[in-house]
N, C-alpha and C. Protein backbone atom coordinates (compact mmCIF):
# COMPACT_ATOMS: atom_id res chain seq x y z
N MET A 1 -34.55 -30.90 -91.74
CA MET A 1 -34.33 -31.83 -90.63
C MET A 1 -33.70 -31.09 -89.45
N THR A 2 -34.27 -31.29 -88.28
CA THR A 2 -33.77 -30.64 -87.08
C THR A 2 -32.61 -31.42 -86.48
N VAL A 3 -31.56 -30.71 -86.16
CA VAL A 3 -30.40 -31.34 -85.53
C VAL A 3 -30.57 -31.30 -84.03
N THR A 4 -30.53 -32.44 -83.41
CA THR A 4 -30.73 -32.52 -81.96
C THR A 4 -29.45 -32.16 -81.21
N ALA A 5 -29.61 -31.86 -79.91
CA ALA A 5 -28.45 -31.50 -79.08
C ALA A 5 -27.41 -32.63 -79.03
N PRO A 6 -27.81 -33.90 -78.86
CA PRO A 6 -26.81 -34.98 -78.88
C PRO A 6 -26.06 -35.05 -80.21
N GLN A 7 -26.77 -34.81 -81.32
CA GLN A 7 -26.11 -34.83 -82.63
C GLN A 7 -25.09 -33.69 -82.75
N GLN A 8 -25.45 -32.52 -82.20
CA GLN A 8 -24.52 -31.40 -82.22
C GLN A 8 -23.28 -31.71 -81.39
N ARG A 9 -23.48 -32.32 -80.22
CA ARG A 9 -22.34 -32.67 -79.38
C ARG A 9 -21.45 -33.69 -80.06
N PHE A 10 -22.08 -34.68 -80.72
CA PHE A 10 -21.31 -35.70 -81.42
C PHE A 10 -20.50 -35.08 -82.56
N ALA A 11 -21.15 -34.16 -83.30
CA ALA A 11 -20.46 -33.49 -84.41
C ALA A 11 -19.27 -32.69 -83.88
N GLY A 12 -19.45 -32.05 -82.72
CA GLY A 12 -18.36 -31.28 -82.13
C GLY A 12 -17.19 -32.16 -81.73
N VAL A 13 -17.51 -33.30 -81.11
CA VAL A 13 -16.46 -34.24 -80.71
C VAL A 13 -15.75 -34.81 -81.94
N LEU A 14 -16.53 -35.16 -82.96
CA LEU A 14 -15.95 -35.72 -84.18
C LEU A 14 -15.02 -34.71 -84.85
N TRP A 15 -15.45 -33.44 -84.90
CA TRP A 15 -14.62 -32.41 -85.50
C TRP A 15 -13.30 -32.27 -84.75
N ARG A 16 -13.36 -32.29 -83.41
CA ARG A 16 -12.14 -32.15 -82.62
C ARG A 16 -11.19 -33.32 -82.87
N VAL A 17 -11.74 -34.53 -82.93
CA VAL A 17 -10.90 -35.71 -83.14
C VAL A 17 -10.26 -35.66 -84.53
N LEU A 18 -11.05 -35.37 -85.55
CA LEU A 18 -10.53 -35.34 -86.92
C LEU A 18 -9.52 -34.22 -87.11
N SER A 19 -9.83 -33.03 -86.59
CA SER A 19 -8.92 -31.90 -86.77
C SER A 19 -7.62 -32.12 -86.01
N THR A 20 -7.71 -32.71 -84.83
CA THR A 20 -6.51 -32.99 -84.05
C THR A 20 -5.65 -34.04 -84.73
N THR A 21 -6.28 -35.08 -85.26
CA THR A 21 -5.55 -36.14 -85.96
C THR A 21 -4.85 -35.59 -87.20
N ALA A 22 -5.57 -34.78 -87.96
CA ALA A 22 -4.99 -34.19 -89.18
C ALA A 22 -3.81 -33.28 -88.83
N LEU A 23 -3.98 -32.48 -87.78
CA LEU A 23 -2.92 -31.56 -87.38
C LEU A 23 -1.67 -32.30 -86.93
N VAL A 24 -1.85 -33.29 -86.09
CA VAL A 24 -0.70 -34.06 -85.59
C VAL A 24 0.02 -34.76 -86.74
N THR A 25 -0.74 -35.29 -87.70
CA THR A 25 -0.14 -35.95 -88.86
C THR A 25 0.69 -34.98 -89.69
N LEU A 26 0.13 -33.80 -89.97
CA LEU A 26 0.85 -32.79 -90.74
C LEU A 26 2.12 -32.35 -90.02
N LEU A 27 2.02 -32.17 -88.70
CA LEU A 27 3.18 -31.74 -87.92
C LEU A 27 4.29 -32.78 -87.95
N LEU A 28 3.91 -34.05 -87.82
CA LEU A 28 4.91 -35.11 -87.82
C LEU A 28 5.64 -35.18 -89.17
N VAL A 29 4.89 -35.08 -90.28
CA VAL A 29 5.51 -35.11 -91.60
C VAL A 29 6.43 -33.90 -91.78
N PHE A 30 5.95 -32.73 -91.37
CA PHE A 30 6.72 -31.49 -91.46
C PHE A 30 8.02 -31.59 -90.65
N ALA A 31 7.90 -32.00 -89.40
CA ALA A 31 9.08 -32.09 -88.53
C ALA A 31 10.06 -33.16 -89.03
N PHE A 32 9.52 -34.29 -89.51
CA PHE A 32 10.39 -35.38 -89.98
C PHE A 32 11.21 -34.93 -91.18
N ALA A 33 10.60 -34.19 -92.10
CA ALA A 33 11.31 -33.72 -93.29
C ALA A 33 12.50 -32.85 -92.91
N HIS A 34 12.31 -31.98 -91.90
CA HIS A 34 13.41 -31.11 -91.48
C HIS A 34 14.44 -31.87 -90.66
N LEU A 35 13.99 -32.82 -89.86
CA LEU A 35 14.92 -33.64 -89.08
C LEU A 35 15.80 -34.47 -90.00
N ALA A 36 15.20 -35.02 -91.07
CA ALA A 36 15.96 -35.82 -92.02
C ALA A 36 17.03 -34.97 -92.70
N ARG A 37 16.69 -33.74 -93.07
CA ARG A 37 17.67 -32.82 -93.67
C ARG A 37 18.80 -32.53 -92.68
N TRP A 38 18.42 -32.31 -91.42
CA TRP A 38 19.40 -32.00 -90.39
C TRP A 38 20.38 -33.17 -90.20
N ARG A 39 19.85 -34.38 -90.14
CA ARG A 39 20.70 -35.55 -89.93
C ARG A 39 21.61 -35.82 -91.12
N THR A 40 21.12 -35.48 -92.31
CA THR A 40 21.91 -35.76 -93.52
C THR A 40 23.00 -34.73 -93.74
N THR A 41 22.68 -33.45 -93.51
CA THR A 41 23.60 -32.37 -93.85
C THR A 41 24.22 -31.68 -92.63
N GLY A 42 23.63 -31.91 -91.46
CA GLY A 42 24.09 -31.18 -90.28
C GLY A 42 23.58 -29.75 -90.24
N ASP A 43 22.69 -29.40 -91.17
CA ASP A 43 22.15 -28.04 -91.28
C ASP A 43 20.75 -28.00 -90.67
N PRO A 44 20.56 -27.28 -89.55
CA PRO A 44 19.24 -27.23 -88.92
C PRO A 44 18.30 -26.27 -89.66
N ALA A 45 18.12 -26.50 -90.94
CA ALA A 45 17.30 -25.59 -91.76
C ALA A 45 15.87 -25.54 -91.24
N GLY A 46 15.38 -24.32 -91.01
CA GLY A 46 14.00 -24.16 -90.60
C GLY A 46 13.71 -24.52 -89.15
N LEU A 47 14.75 -24.64 -88.31
CA LEU A 47 14.52 -25.08 -86.94
C LEU A 47 13.61 -24.12 -86.19
N GLY A 48 13.80 -22.81 -86.42
CA GLY A 48 12.95 -21.83 -85.75
C GLY A 48 11.49 -22.01 -86.12
N LEU A 49 11.22 -22.25 -87.40
CA LEU A 49 9.85 -22.43 -87.86
C LEU A 49 9.25 -23.72 -87.30
N VAL A 50 10.06 -24.78 -87.22
CA VAL A 50 9.57 -26.04 -86.68
C VAL A 50 9.13 -25.85 -85.23
N VAL A 51 9.95 -25.21 -84.42
CA VAL A 51 9.60 -24.98 -83.02
C VAL A 51 8.36 -24.10 -82.92
N GLU A 52 8.28 -23.08 -83.76
CA GLU A 52 7.11 -22.19 -83.76
C GLU A 52 5.82 -22.95 -84.02
N GLU A 53 5.83 -23.82 -85.03
CA GLU A 53 4.62 -24.54 -85.39
C GLU A 53 4.22 -25.55 -84.31
N LEU A 54 5.20 -26.13 -83.62
CA LEU A 54 4.88 -27.02 -82.51
C LEU A 54 4.19 -26.25 -81.38
N LEU A 55 4.66 -25.04 -81.11
CA LEU A 55 4.04 -24.20 -80.08
C LEU A 55 2.62 -23.82 -80.47
N VAL A 56 2.44 -23.40 -81.71
CA VAL A 56 1.10 -23.00 -82.18
C VAL A 56 0.13 -24.18 -82.09
N ALA A 57 0.60 -25.37 -82.48
CA ALA A 57 -0.26 -26.56 -82.42
C ALA A 57 -0.65 -26.89 -80.99
N ALA A 58 0.29 -26.76 -80.05
CA ALA A 58 -0.02 -27.04 -78.64
C ALA A 58 -1.09 -26.09 -78.12
N LEU A 59 -0.97 -24.80 -78.45
CA LEU A 59 -1.97 -23.83 -78.01
C LEU A 59 -3.32 -24.07 -78.68
N PHE A 60 -3.28 -24.51 -79.93
CA PHE A 60 -4.52 -24.85 -80.63
C PHE A 60 -5.28 -25.94 -79.88
N LEU A 61 -4.57 -26.94 -79.40
CA LEU A 61 -5.21 -28.05 -78.70
C LEU A 61 -5.73 -27.63 -77.33
N LEU A 62 -5.16 -26.57 -76.74
CA LEU A 62 -5.55 -26.14 -75.40
C LEU A 62 -6.45 -24.90 -75.42
N ARG A 63 -6.86 -24.46 -76.59
CA ARG A 63 -7.57 -23.19 -76.72
C ARG A 63 -8.88 -23.19 -75.95
N ARG A 64 -9.30 -21.99 -75.53
CA ARG A 64 -10.57 -21.79 -74.83
C ARG A 64 -11.70 -21.69 -75.84
N GLN A 65 -12.87 -22.18 -75.47
CA GLN A 65 -14.04 -22.02 -76.33
C GLN A 65 -14.44 -20.56 -76.39
N PRO A 66 -14.75 -20.05 -77.59
CA PRO A 66 -15.01 -18.61 -77.74
C PRO A 66 -16.40 -18.19 -77.29
N LYS A 67 -16.54 -16.89 -76.98
CA LYS A 67 -17.86 -16.32 -76.71
C LYS A 67 -18.65 -16.20 -78.01
N HIS A 68 -17.97 -15.72 -79.04
CA HIS A 68 -18.56 -15.58 -80.37
C HIS A 68 -17.54 -16.04 -81.39
N SER A 69 -18.01 -16.70 -82.42
CA SER A 69 -17.12 -17.19 -83.46
C SER A 69 -17.74 -16.93 -84.83
N SER A 70 -16.90 -16.65 -85.81
CA SER A 70 -17.41 -16.40 -87.15
C SER A 70 -18.04 -17.67 -87.73
N SER A 71 -19.15 -17.49 -88.42
CA SER A 71 -19.80 -18.61 -89.11
C SER A 71 -19.53 -18.55 -90.62
N SER A 72 -18.68 -17.60 -91.03
CA SER A 72 -18.39 -17.43 -92.45
C SER A 72 -17.45 -18.53 -92.95
N ILE A 73 -17.84 -19.19 -94.03
CA ILE A 73 -16.99 -20.23 -94.63
C ILE A 73 -15.66 -19.61 -95.07
N ARG A 74 -15.71 -18.40 -95.60
CA ARG A 74 -14.48 -17.73 -96.02
C ARG A 74 -13.54 -17.53 -94.84
N ASP A 75 -14.07 -17.10 -93.70
CA ASP A 75 -13.22 -16.88 -92.52
C ASP A 75 -12.58 -18.19 -92.06
N TRP A 76 -13.36 -19.27 -92.08
CA TRP A 76 -12.81 -20.57 -91.68
C TRP A 76 -11.74 -21.04 -92.65
N LEU A 77 -11.97 -20.78 -93.95
CA LEU A 77 -11.01 -21.22 -94.96
C LEU A 77 -9.68 -20.48 -94.83
N VAL A 78 -9.74 -19.13 -94.72
CA VAL A 78 -8.48 -18.38 -94.62
C VAL A 78 -7.78 -18.68 -93.31
N ALA A 79 -8.54 -18.98 -92.26
CA ALA A 79 -7.92 -19.33 -90.98
C ALA A 79 -7.17 -20.65 -91.08
N ALA A 80 -7.80 -21.64 -91.72
CA ALA A 80 -7.16 -22.95 -91.86
C ALA A 80 -5.93 -22.87 -92.75
N VAL A 81 -6.06 -22.18 -93.89
CA VAL A 81 -4.92 -22.06 -94.81
C VAL A 81 -3.81 -21.23 -94.18
N GLY A 82 -4.18 -20.11 -93.55
CA GLY A 82 -3.19 -19.26 -92.92
C GLY A 82 -2.45 -19.94 -91.79
N SER A 83 -3.12 -20.84 -91.09
CA SER A 83 -2.51 -21.51 -89.95
C SER A 83 -1.66 -22.70 -90.35
N TRP A 84 -2.16 -23.55 -91.26
CA TRP A 84 -1.55 -24.85 -91.45
C TRP A 84 -0.90 -25.09 -92.81
N LEU A 85 -1.16 -24.23 -93.81
CA LEU A 85 -0.52 -24.45 -95.11
C LEU A 85 1.00 -24.32 -95.00
N ILE A 86 1.49 -23.54 -94.05
CA ILE A 86 2.93 -23.36 -93.90
C ILE A 86 3.62 -24.69 -93.62
N LEU A 87 2.88 -25.68 -93.14
CA LEU A 87 3.47 -27.00 -92.88
C LEU A 87 3.84 -27.71 -94.18
N ALA A 88 3.47 -27.13 -95.32
CA ALA A 88 3.81 -27.73 -96.61
C ALA A 88 5.18 -27.28 -97.12
N VAL A 89 5.81 -26.30 -96.47
CA VAL A 89 7.14 -25.89 -96.92
C VAL A 89 8.15 -26.98 -96.59
N ARG A 90 9.24 -27.02 -97.36
CA ARG A 90 10.24 -28.06 -97.19
C ARG A 90 11.65 -27.49 -97.36
N PRO A 91 12.64 -28.09 -96.71
CA PRO A 91 14.03 -27.67 -96.93
C PRO A 91 14.37 -27.72 -98.41
N ALA A 92 15.04 -26.67 -98.91
CA ALA A 92 15.30 -26.62 -100.36
C ALA A 92 16.43 -25.66 -100.66
N GLY A 93 17.16 -25.95 -101.72
CA GLY A 93 18.13 -25.01 -102.27
C GLY A 93 19.21 -24.59 -101.30
N HIS A 94 19.78 -23.43 -101.59
CA HIS A 94 20.85 -22.85 -100.78
C HIS A 94 20.41 -21.47 -100.31
N PRO A 95 20.78 -21.07 -99.10
CA PRO A 95 20.36 -19.77 -98.58
C PRO A 95 20.74 -18.62 -99.51
N VAL A 96 19.86 -17.65 -99.63
CA VAL A 96 20.13 -16.47 -100.46
C VAL A 96 21.40 -15.78 -99.94
N LEU A 97 22.34 -15.55 -100.82
CA LEU A 97 23.62 -14.91 -100.52
C LEU A 97 24.45 -15.69 -99.51
N GLY A 98 24.04 -16.94 -99.24
CA GLY A 98 24.80 -17.78 -98.33
C GLY A 98 24.69 -17.39 -96.86
N LEU A 99 23.71 -16.57 -96.51
CA LEU A 99 23.59 -16.05 -95.14
C LEU A 99 22.74 -16.97 -94.26
N ASP A 100 23.11 -18.22 -94.21
CA ASP A 100 22.34 -19.23 -93.50
C ASP A 100 22.17 -18.87 -92.02
N GLY A 101 23.28 -18.51 -91.36
CA GLY A 101 23.23 -18.20 -89.94
C GLY A 101 22.34 -17.01 -89.64
N LEU A 102 22.38 -16.00 -90.50
CA LEU A 102 21.54 -14.81 -90.30
C LEU A 102 20.07 -15.17 -90.37
N TYR A 103 19.68 -15.97 -91.37
CA TYR A 103 18.27 -16.32 -91.54
C TYR A 103 17.78 -17.19 -90.39
N LEU A 104 18.66 -18.06 -89.89
CA LEU A 104 18.27 -18.88 -88.74
C LEU A 104 18.08 -18.00 -87.51
N ALA A 105 18.96 -17.01 -87.34
CA ALA A 105 18.84 -16.08 -86.21
C ALA A 105 17.54 -15.28 -86.30
N ILE A 106 17.17 -14.85 -87.52
CA ILE A 106 15.92 -14.11 -87.69
C ILE A 106 14.72 -15.00 -87.38
N GLN A 107 14.80 -16.27 -87.77
CA GLN A 107 13.72 -17.21 -87.42
C GLN A 107 13.53 -17.28 -85.91
N PHE A 108 14.64 -17.34 -85.18
CA PHE A 108 14.52 -17.43 -83.73
C PHE A 108 14.07 -16.11 -83.12
N ALA A 109 14.39 -14.99 -83.76
CA ALA A 109 13.86 -13.70 -83.31
C ALA A 109 12.34 -13.69 -83.48
N GLY A 110 11.87 -14.19 -84.65
CA GLY A 110 10.44 -14.30 -84.87
C GLY A 110 9.79 -15.25 -83.88
N LEU A 111 10.48 -16.36 -83.60
CA LEU A 111 9.98 -17.33 -82.62
C LEU A 111 9.84 -16.68 -81.25
N LEU A 112 10.81 -15.87 -80.86
CA LEU A 112 10.71 -15.18 -79.57
C LEU A 112 9.49 -14.27 -79.55
N GLY A 113 9.25 -13.56 -80.66
CA GLY A 113 8.05 -12.72 -80.74
C GLY A 113 6.78 -13.54 -80.63
N VAL A 114 6.76 -14.71 -81.26
CA VAL A 114 5.59 -15.60 -81.16
C VAL A 114 5.38 -16.04 -79.71
N ILE A 115 6.46 -16.43 -79.04
CA ILE A 115 6.35 -16.91 -77.66
C ILE A 115 5.79 -15.81 -76.75
N VAL A 116 6.32 -14.59 -76.89
CA VAL A 116 5.85 -13.48 -76.05
C VAL A 116 4.39 -13.17 -76.36
N SER A 117 4.04 -13.12 -77.65
CA SER A 117 2.67 -12.79 -78.05
C SER A 117 1.68 -13.85 -77.61
N LEU A 118 2.01 -15.11 -77.85
CA LEU A 118 1.07 -16.18 -77.53
C LEU A 118 1.01 -16.45 -76.03
N THR A 119 2.11 -16.19 -75.32
CA THR A 119 2.05 -16.31 -73.86
C THR A 119 1.11 -15.26 -73.30
N THR A 120 1.14 -14.07 -73.88
CA THR A 120 0.21 -13.01 -73.46
C THR A 120 -1.23 -13.42 -73.74
N LEU A 121 -1.46 -14.05 -74.89
CA LEU A 121 -2.82 -14.50 -75.24
C LEU A 121 -3.26 -15.66 -74.36
N GLY A 122 -2.35 -16.61 -74.07
CA GLY A 122 -2.72 -17.80 -73.30
C GLY A 122 -3.81 -18.59 -74.00
N ARG A 123 -4.83 -18.97 -73.26
CA ARG A 123 -5.91 -19.78 -73.83
C ARG A 123 -6.89 -18.95 -74.65
N SER A 124 -6.64 -17.65 -74.77
CA SER A 124 -7.44 -16.82 -75.66
C SER A 124 -7.01 -17.00 -77.11
N PHE A 125 -5.93 -17.75 -77.32
CA PHE A 125 -5.46 -18.06 -78.68
C PHE A 125 -6.52 -18.88 -79.42
N GLY A 126 -6.63 -18.65 -80.71
CA GLY A 126 -7.55 -19.43 -81.52
C GLY A 126 -7.14 -19.39 -82.99
N ILE A 127 -7.87 -20.14 -83.81
CA ILE A 127 -7.58 -20.19 -85.24
C ILE A 127 -8.57 -19.34 -86.02
N VAL A 128 -9.84 -19.68 -85.94
CA VAL A 128 -10.85 -18.93 -86.68
C VAL A 128 -11.19 -17.66 -85.91
N ALA A 129 -11.63 -16.64 -86.65
CA ALA A 129 -12.00 -15.36 -86.03
C ALA A 129 -13.06 -15.58 -84.97
N ALA A 130 -12.78 -15.11 -83.73
CA ALA A 130 -13.69 -15.34 -82.61
C ALA A 130 -13.35 -14.38 -81.49
N ASP A 131 -14.28 -14.27 -80.53
CA ASP A 131 -14.06 -13.47 -79.33
C ASP A 131 -13.75 -14.42 -78.17
N ARG A 132 -12.47 -14.51 -77.81
CA ARG A 132 -12.06 -15.36 -76.69
C ARG A 132 -11.55 -14.51 -75.52
N GLY A 133 -11.91 -13.26 -75.53
CA GLY A 133 -11.45 -12.35 -74.48
C GLY A 133 -10.40 -11.39 -75.02
N LEU A 134 -10.40 -10.17 -74.51
CA LEU A 134 -9.53 -9.11 -75.00
C LEU A 134 -8.21 -9.07 -74.23
N LYS A 135 -7.11 -9.03 -74.98
CA LYS A 135 -5.78 -8.89 -74.40
C LYS A 135 -5.15 -7.61 -74.96
N THR A 136 -4.67 -6.74 -74.07
CA THR A 136 -4.14 -5.46 -74.52
C THR A 136 -2.74 -5.17 -73.96
N GLY A 137 -2.19 -6.08 -73.17
CA GLY A 137 -0.89 -5.84 -72.55
C GLY A 137 0.26 -6.32 -73.39
N GLY A 138 1.48 -6.08 -72.89
CA GLY A 138 2.68 -6.56 -73.57
C GLY A 138 2.77 -6.07 -75.00
N PRO A 139 3.09 -6.96 -75.94
CA PRO A 139 3.24 -6.53 -77.34
C PRO A 139 1.93 -6.04 -77.95
N TYR A 140 0.79 -6.40 -77.34
CA TYR A 140 -0.50 -5.93 -77.86
C TYR A 140 -0.73 -4.46 -77.54
N GLY A 141 0.15 -3.87 -76.76
CA GLY A 141 0.10 -2.43 -76.54
C GLY A 141 0.87 -1.66 -77.60
N ILE A 142 1.56 -2.39 -78.49
CA ILE A 142 2.35 -1.76 -79.56
C ILE A 142 1.64 -1.87 -80.90
N VAL A 143 1.24 -3.09 -81.27
CA VAL A 143 0.41 -3.32 -82.46
C VAL A 143 -0.68 -4.31 -82.07
N ARG A 144 -1.74 -4.35 -82.87
CA ARG A 144 -2.90 -5.16 -82.49
C ARG A 144 -2.71 -6.64 -82.78
N HIS A 145 -1.77 -6.98 -83.67
CA HIS A 145 -1.59 -8.39 -84.05
C HIS A 145 -0.10 -8.76 -84.06
N PRO A 146 0.56 -8.68 -82.93
CA PRO A 146 2.00 -8.98 -82.90
C PRO A 146 2.33 -10.44 -83.23
N ALA A 147 1.42 -11.36 -82.93
CA ALA A 147 1.68 -12.77 -83.25
C ALA A 147 1.79 -12.95 -84.76
N TYR A 148 0.90 -12.31 -85.52
CA TYR A 148 0.96 -12.43 -86.98
C TYR A 148 2.24 -11.82 -87.53
N LEU A 149 2.66 -10.69 -86.95
CA LEU A 149 3.91 -10.08 -87.36
C LEU A 149 5.08 -11.04 -87.14
N SER A 150 5.08 -11.71 -86.00
CA SER A 150 6.14 -12.66 -85.68
C SER A 150 6.12 -13.85 -86.62
N TYR A 151 4.91 -14.34 -86.95
CA TYR A 151 4.80 -15.43 -87.93
C TYR A 151 5.46 -15.03 -89.25
N LEU A 152 5.14 -13.81 -89.72
CA LEU A 152 5.63 -13.37 -91.02
C LEU A 152 7.16 -13.23 -91.02
N VAL A 153 7.71 -12.76 -89.90
CA VAL A 153 9.17 -12.65 -89.80
C VAL A 153 9.82 -14.03 -89.90
N THR A 154 9.30 -14.98 -89.14
CA THR A 154 9.85 -16.34 -89.15
C THR A 154 9.73 -16.98 -90.52
N GLN A 155 8.57 -16.83 -91.14
CA GLN A 155 8.34 -17.47 -92.42
C GLN A 155 9.17 -16.84 -93.54
N ALA A 156 9.33 -15.51 -93.51
CA ALA A 156 10.16 -14.85 -94.51
C ALA A 156 11.61 -15.29 -94.39
N ALA A 157 12.09 -15.42 -93.14
CA ALA A 157 13.47 -15.88 -92.93
C ALA A 157 13.64 -17.32 -93.38
N TYR A 158 12.62 -18.14 -93.15
CA TYR A 158 12.67 -19.53 -93.62
C TYR A 158 12.79 -19.57 -95.14
N LEU A 159 12.02 -18.73 -95.82
CA LEU A 159 12.06 -18.70 -97.29
C LEU A 159 13.43 -18.27 -97.79
N LEU A 160 14.04 -17.29 -97.13
CA LEU A 160 15.37 -16.86 -97.54
C LEU A 160 16.41 -17.95 -97.29
N GLN A 161 16.18 -18.76 -96.27
CA GLN A 161 17.09 -19.87 -95.98
C GLN A 161 16.84 -21.06 -96.89
N ASN A 162 15.60 -21.21 -97.36
CA ASN A 162 15.21 -22.36 -98.18
C ASN A 162 14.47 -21.88 -99.43
N PRO A 163 15.15 -21.14 -100.31
CA PRO A 163 14.47 -20.55 -101.47
C PRO A 163 14.07 -21.58 -102.51
N SER A 164 12.80 -21.56 -102.88
CA SER A 164 12.29 -22.37 -103.98
C SER A 164 10.95 -21.77 -104.41
N PHE A 165 10.54 -22.05 -105.64
CA PHE A 165 9.24 -21.54 -106.11
C PHE A 165 8.12 -22.10 -105.25
N TRP A 166 8.24 -23.37 -104.86
CA TRP A 166 7.21 -24.00 -104.02
C TRP A 166 7.08 -23.27 -102.69
N ASN A 167 8.21 -23.06 -102.01
CA ASN A 167 8.17 -22.39 -100.71
C ASN A 167 7.68 -20.95 -100.84
N ALA A 168 8.09 -20.26 -101.91
CA ALA A 168 7.64 -18.88 -102.12
C ALA A 168 6.13 -18.82 -102.31
N ALA A 169 5.58 -19.76 -103.09
CA ALA A 169 4.13 -19.79 -103.31
C ALA A 169 3.39 -20.05 -101.99
N ILE A 170 3.93 -20.94 -101.18
CA ILE A 170 3.30 -21.25 -99.89
C ILE A 170 3.32 -20.03 -98.98
N VAL A 171 4.48 -19.40 -98.85
CA VAL A 171 4.61 -18.26 -97.94
C VAL A 171 3.74 -17.09 -98.40
N LEU A 172 3.68 -16.82 -99.70
CA LEU A 172 2.85 -15.73 -100.21
C LEU A 172 1.36 -16.02 -99.97
N THR A 173 0.95 -17.26 -100.18
CA THR A 173 -0.45 -17.63 -99.94
C THR A 173 -0.80 -17.51 -98.46
N VAL A 174 0.09 -17.98 -97.60
CA VAL A 174 -0.14 -17.89 -96.16
C VAL A 174 -0.22 -16.42 -95.73
N THR A 175 0.67 -15.59 -96.26
CA THR A 175 0.65 -14.17 -95.90
C THR A 175 -0.66 -13.51 -96.29
N ALA A 176 -1.15 -13.80 -97.49
CA ALA A 176 -2.44 -13.24 -97.93
C ALA A 176 -3.56 -13.68 -97.00
N CYS A 177 -3.53 -14.94 -96.59
CA CYS A 177 -4.57 -15.45 -95.69
C CYS A 177 -4.45 -14.83 -94.30
N GLN A 178 -3.22 -14.59 -93.84
CA GLN A 178 -3.05 -13.96 -92.53
C GLN A 178 -3.62 -12.54 -92.52
N LEU A 179 -3.40 -11.82 -93.61
CA LEU A 179 -3.97 -10.47 -93.70
C LEU A 179 -5.50 -10.52 -93.69
N ALA A 180 -6.06 -11.52 -94.38
CA ALA A 180 -7.52 -11.68 -94.37
C ALA A 180 -8.00 -12.05 -92.97
N ARG A 181 -7.24 -12.87 -92.24
CA ARG A 181 -7.60 -13.24 -90.87
C ARG A 181 -7.65 -12.02 -89.96
N ILE A 182 -6.71 -11.10 -90.15
CA ILE A 182 -6.68 -9.89 -89.33
C ILE A 182 -8.00 -9.13 -89.47
N HIS A 183 -8.44 -8.94 -90.70
CA HIS A 183 -9.69 -8.20 -90.92
C HIS A 183 -10.90 -8.97 -90.39
N ALA A 184 -10.89 -10.30 -90.53
CA ALA A 184 -12.00 -11.10 -90.01
C ALA A 184 -12.06 -11.01 -88.49
N GLU A 185 -10.91 -11.09 -87.84
CA GLU A 185 -10.88 -11.02 -86.37
C GLU A 185 -11.35 -9.65 -85.89
N GLU A 186 -10.93 -8.60 -86.57
CA GLU A 186 -11.33 -7.26 -86.14
C GLU A 186 -12.82 -7.02 -86.37
N ARG A 187 -13.37 -7.67 -87.37
CA ARG A 187 -14.81 -7.56 -87.59
C ARG A 187 -15.60 -8.20 -86.44
N ILE A 188 -15.14 -9.37 -85.98
CA ILE A 188 -15.81 -10.05 -84.88
C ILE A 188 -15.60 -9.30 -83.57
N LEU A 189 -14.34 -8.95 -83.28
CA LEU A 189 -14.02 -8.28 -82.02
C LEU A 189 -14.59 -6.87 -81.96
N GLY A 190 -14.83 -6.27 -83.13
CA GLY A 190 -15.35 -4.91 -83.17
C GLY A 190 -16.74 -4.77 -82.58
N ARG A 191 -17.41 -5.89 -82.30
CA ARG A 191 -18.71 -5.82 -81.63
C ARG A 191 -18.58 -5.40 -80.17
N ASP A 192 -17.37 -5.55 -79.64
CA ASP A 192 -17.10 -5.24 -78.24
C ASP A 192 -16.64 -3.78 -78.12
N PRO A 193 -17.36 -2.95 -77.34
CA PRO A 193 -16.93 -1.55 -77.18
C PRO A 193 -15.51 -1.43 -76.63
N GLY A 194 -15.12 -2.38 -75.79
CA GLY A 194 -13.78 -2.36 -75.25
C GLY A 194 -12.73 -2.52 -76.33
N TYR A 195 -13.03 -3.35 -77.34
CA TYR A 195 -12.08 -3.54 -78.43
C TYR A 195 -12.02 -2.30 -79.32
N ARG A 196 -13.15 -1.66 -79.52
CA ARG A 196 -13.15 -0.43 -80.33
C ARG A 196 -12.33 0.66 -79.64
N ALA A 197 -12.41 0.74 -78.32
CA ALA A 197 -11.60 1.71 -77.58
C ALA A 197 -10.12 1.35 -77.69
N TYR A 198 -9.82 0.05 -77.65
CA TYR A 198 -8.44 -0.41 -77.80
C TYR A 198 -7.88 -0.03 -79.17
N CYS A 199 -8.69 -0.20 -80.23
CA CYS A 199 -8.25 0.16 -81.58
C CYS A 199 -7.98 1.66 -81.71
N ALA A 200 -8.73 2.46 -80.98
CA ALA A 200 -8.51 3.90 -81.02
C ALA A 200 -7.19 4.25 -80.34
N ARG A 201 -6.78 3.42 -79.38
CA ARG A 201 -5.53 3.67 -78.65
C ARG A 201 -4.32 3.06 -79.37
N VAL A 202 -4.48 1.82 -79.86
CA VAL A 202 -3.40 1.14 -80.61
C VAL A 202 -3.83 1.14 -82.07
N THR A 203 -3.31 2.07 -82.84
CA THR A 203 -3.86 2.33 -84.17
C THR A 203 -3.27 1.46 -85.27
N ARG A 204 -2.14 0.78 -85.03
CA ARG A 204 -1.50 -0.02 -86.07
C ARG A 204 -1.81 -1.50 -85.88
N ARG A 205 -2.14 -2.15 -86.98
CA ARG A 205 -2.49 -3.57 -86.91
C ARG A 205 -1.25 -4.46 -86.80
N LEU A 206 -0.23 -4.17 -87.63
CA LEU A 206 0.84 -5.15 -87.81
C LEU A 206 2.24 -4.57 -87.63
N ILE A 207 2.49 -3.41 -88.22
CA ILE A 207 3.84 -2.83 -88.20
C ILE A 207 3.77 -1.44 -87.59
N PRO A 208 4.49 -1.19 -86.49
CA PRO A 208 4.44 0.13 -85.84
C PRO A 208 4.69 1.27 -86.82
N ALA A 209 3.83 2.29 -86.74
CA ALA A 209 3.95 3.53 -87.53
C ALA A 209 3.70 3.34 -89.02
N ILE A 210 3.40 2.11 -89.46
CA ILE A 210 3.20 1.87 -90.90
C ILE A 210 1.81 1.31 -91.19
N TYR A 211 1.49 0.14 -90.60
CA TYR A 211 0.21 -0.51 -90.92
C TYR A 211 -0.39 -1.12 -89.66
């Protein structure tokens, strides 16, 4: 059966409405759980991560349509899990070694990295592996994926502040998916000679001098 242009447009609109509704619902539940903990205990557990996820969601809603996007189901799956599964973490337990203030400070350091990285990306930000234009300035002149590095810093600090088997499983799964997203994005962007030249200049994906 041939899919007509109007059907394709309708499917696109439907996907945007459903994905936006699902995202907003997940964000509200996530934020409410942390707000309830804050009101009950006076402990702003996970505040850095909450602000980070609100920023990421806002950019997701404003993202630019890509020139090229992956059609791989695997790429879409790891992108969705890597982006939104973190909303399943919840306030829990007591901070490791009681260093609550330190872990909150690290979350905000990661949040600052996210803000700088995503501000540099602007509307070139996206979820699934795609070509939305090449950005090489700012933190992208140090490593190729500074936003992912900042996510991992914030999420690791959240886990140390809220240790539980559930949160650890979520953070480890998200980290594995983020690493898979890096390779998927580089596969798509590698079609661009400009990106290949950029990779030759900025040789580390995530951690300076290491990886």
